[in-house]
Amino acid sequence: MELIINNNLFNVKCVITDKDTQNGMMNKKFNDDFDGMLFLMKDKPHSFWMKNCIIPLDIIIIKANTINKIHHNCKPCLTNECDRYQGNGDMILEVLGGTCNKYDIVEGDRIYFN
């Protein structure tokens, strides 16, 4: 699936099931097939962590196709004492850490599907 933010195109994998949501980017890197992971969620508060992730991520909280929270450059965590990244929305997009700064993606930006 393709997603657009500020004229920047992202090829994202969609995550829907509880199991896939729990696994997220654990032990994964982005590759030529995808450069973002899009979690389709119920519209409510969510809490993400970086347990067993191997790359830093920007975690983008989206509600009604508008970015309402960005957690920048979240560091991987290999213990059970990981920071939590929270926000309220119906989608969460994870991209490589630093992507939001690189492409000037900020809270209030809209997302579009191609």
Protein backbone atom coordinates (compact mmCIF):
# COMPACT_ATOMS: atom_id res chain seq x y z
CA MET A 1 0.00 0.00 0.00
CA GLU A 2 1.24 3.49 -0.76
CA LEU A 3 0.83 6.39 1.63
CA ILE A 4 1.68 10.05 0.94
CA ILE A 5 2.75 12.70 3.46
CA ASN A 6 3.84 16.14 2.16
CA ASN A 7 4.34 14.76 -1.37
CA ASN A 8 6.59 12.00 0.02
CA LEU A 9 5.58 8.49 -1.01
CA PHE A 10 5.94 5.62 1.46
CA ASN A 11 5.45 1.97 0.56
CA VAL A 12 3.91 0.56 3.75
CA LYS A 13 3.02 -2.85 5.10
CA CYS A 14 -0.38 -2.90 6.75
CA VAL A 15 -0.73 -4.53 10.15
CA ILE A 16 -4.19 -5.54 11.28
CA THR A 17 -4.11 -8.61 13.53
CA ASP A 18 -3.29 -8.47 17.25
CA LYS A 19 -0.36 -10.85 16.79
CA ASP A 20 1.18 -8.81 13.96
CA THR A 21 0.62 -5.63 15.98
CA GLN A 22 2.45 -7.13 18.97
CA ASN A 23 5.38 -8.20 16.75
CA GLY A 24 5.52 -4.93 14.78
CA MET A 25 9.11 -4.15 13.75
CA MET A 26 10.68 -6.60 16.22
CA ASN A 27 13.82 -8.07 14.65
CA LYS A 28 13.02 -6.42 11.29
CA LYS A 29 14.58 -3.81 9.03
CA PHE A 30 12.98 -1.93 6.19
CA ASN A 31 13.95 -3.11 2.72
CA ASP A 32 13.09 -2.58 -0.96
CA ASP A 33 9.58 -3.97 -0.34
CA PHE A 34 8.54 -1.46 2.35
CA ASP A 35 9.77 1.65 4.12
CA GLY A 36 6.98 1.96 6.66
CA MET A 37 4.69 -0.17 8.79
CA LEU A 38 1.10 1.04 9.14
CA PHE A 39 -0.92 -0.28 12.06
CA LEU A 40 -4.70 -0.09 11.52
CA MET A 41 -6.15 0.27 15.00
CA LYS A 42 -9.33 1.11 16.89
CA ASP A 43 -9.64 4.82 17.62
CA LYS A 44 -8.43 4.92 21.21
CA PRO A 45 -5.26 5.56 23.21
CA HIS A 46 -2.34 3.30 22.26
CA SER A 47 1.06 2.57 23.75
CA PHE A 48 3.99 1.30 21.68
CA TRP A 49 7.45 0.23 22.74
CA MET A 50 10.69 -0.68 20.97
CA LYS A 51 11.29 -4.12 22.50
CA ASN A 52 13.57 -6.23 20.30
CA CYS A 53 13.61 -3.64 17.53
CA ILE A 54 16.94 -3.39 15.75
CA ILE A 55 16.63 0.07 14.19
CA PRO A 56 15.47 3.44 15.60
CA LEU A 57 11.98 4.47 14.50
CA ASP A 58 9.81 7.54 14.23
CA ILE A 59 6.39 6.56 15.61
CA ILE A 60 3.60 8.63 14.05
CA ILE A 61 0.13 8.61 15.64
CA ILE A 62 -2.66 9.36 13.14
CA LYS A 63 -6.32 10.12 13.73
CA ALA A 64 -8.79 10.70 10.87
CA ASN A 65 -5.87 10.94 8.39
CA THR A 66 -4.16 13.72 10.39
CA ILE A 67 -0.91 13.32 12.31
CA ASN A 68 -1.60 14.22 15.93
CA LYS A 69 1.60 12.98 17.64
CA ILE A 70 5.14 12.14 16.55
CA HIS A 71 7.70 10.35 18.69
CA HIS A 72 11.05 11.05 17.03
CA ASN A 73 13.96 8.64 16.70
CA CYS A 74 12.77 6.07 19.26
CA LYS A 75 15.72 3.90 20.23
CA PRO A 76 15.67 0.08 20.18
CA CYS A 77 15.27 -1.67 23.52
CA LEU A 78 16.55 -5.14 24.39
CA THR A 79 15.19 -5.39 27.93
CA ASN A 80 11.72 -5.45 29.49
CA GLU A 81 12.28 -1.91 30.81
CA CYS A 82 11.50 -0.08 27.57
CA ASP A 83 10.15 3.44 27.17
CA ARG A 84 6.51 3.64 26.07
CA TYR A 85 5.33 5.91 23.27
CA GLN A 86 1.69 6.87 23.60
CA GLY A 87 -0.97 8.61 21.57
CA ASN A 88 -4.60 8.52 20.56
CA GLY A 89 -5.48 7.56 17.01
CA ASP A 90 -6.82 5.05 14.54
CA MET A 91 -3.51 4.42 12.74
CA ILE A 92 0.13 4.31 13.76
CA LEU A 93 2.90 4.62 11.19
CA GLU A 94 6.44 3.50 11.95
CA VAL A 95 9.22 4.74 9.69
CA LEU A 96 13.00 4.82 9.97
CA GLY A 97 14.17 7.10 12.77
CA GLY A 98 14.89 10.60 11.48
CA THR A 99 12.43 10.37 8.58
CA CYS A 100 10.08 13.02 9.98
CA ASN A 101 12.91 15.53 10.38
CA LYS A 102 14.35 14.68 6.97
CA TYR A 103 11.02 15.26 5.17
CA ASP A 104 9.70 18.01 7.47
CA ILE A 105 6.76 15.88 8.63
CA VAL A 106 5.03 17.56 11.58
CA GLU A 107 1.93 17.20 13.72
CA GLY A 108 -1.11 18.46 11.80
CA ASP A 109 0.09 17.10 8.45
CA ARG A 110 -2.45 15.05 6.51
CA ILE A 111 -1.86 11.60 5.08
CA TYR A 112 -3.28 10.34 1.80
CA PHE A 113 -3.49 6.93 0.22
CA ASN A 114 -2.38 6.37 -3.34
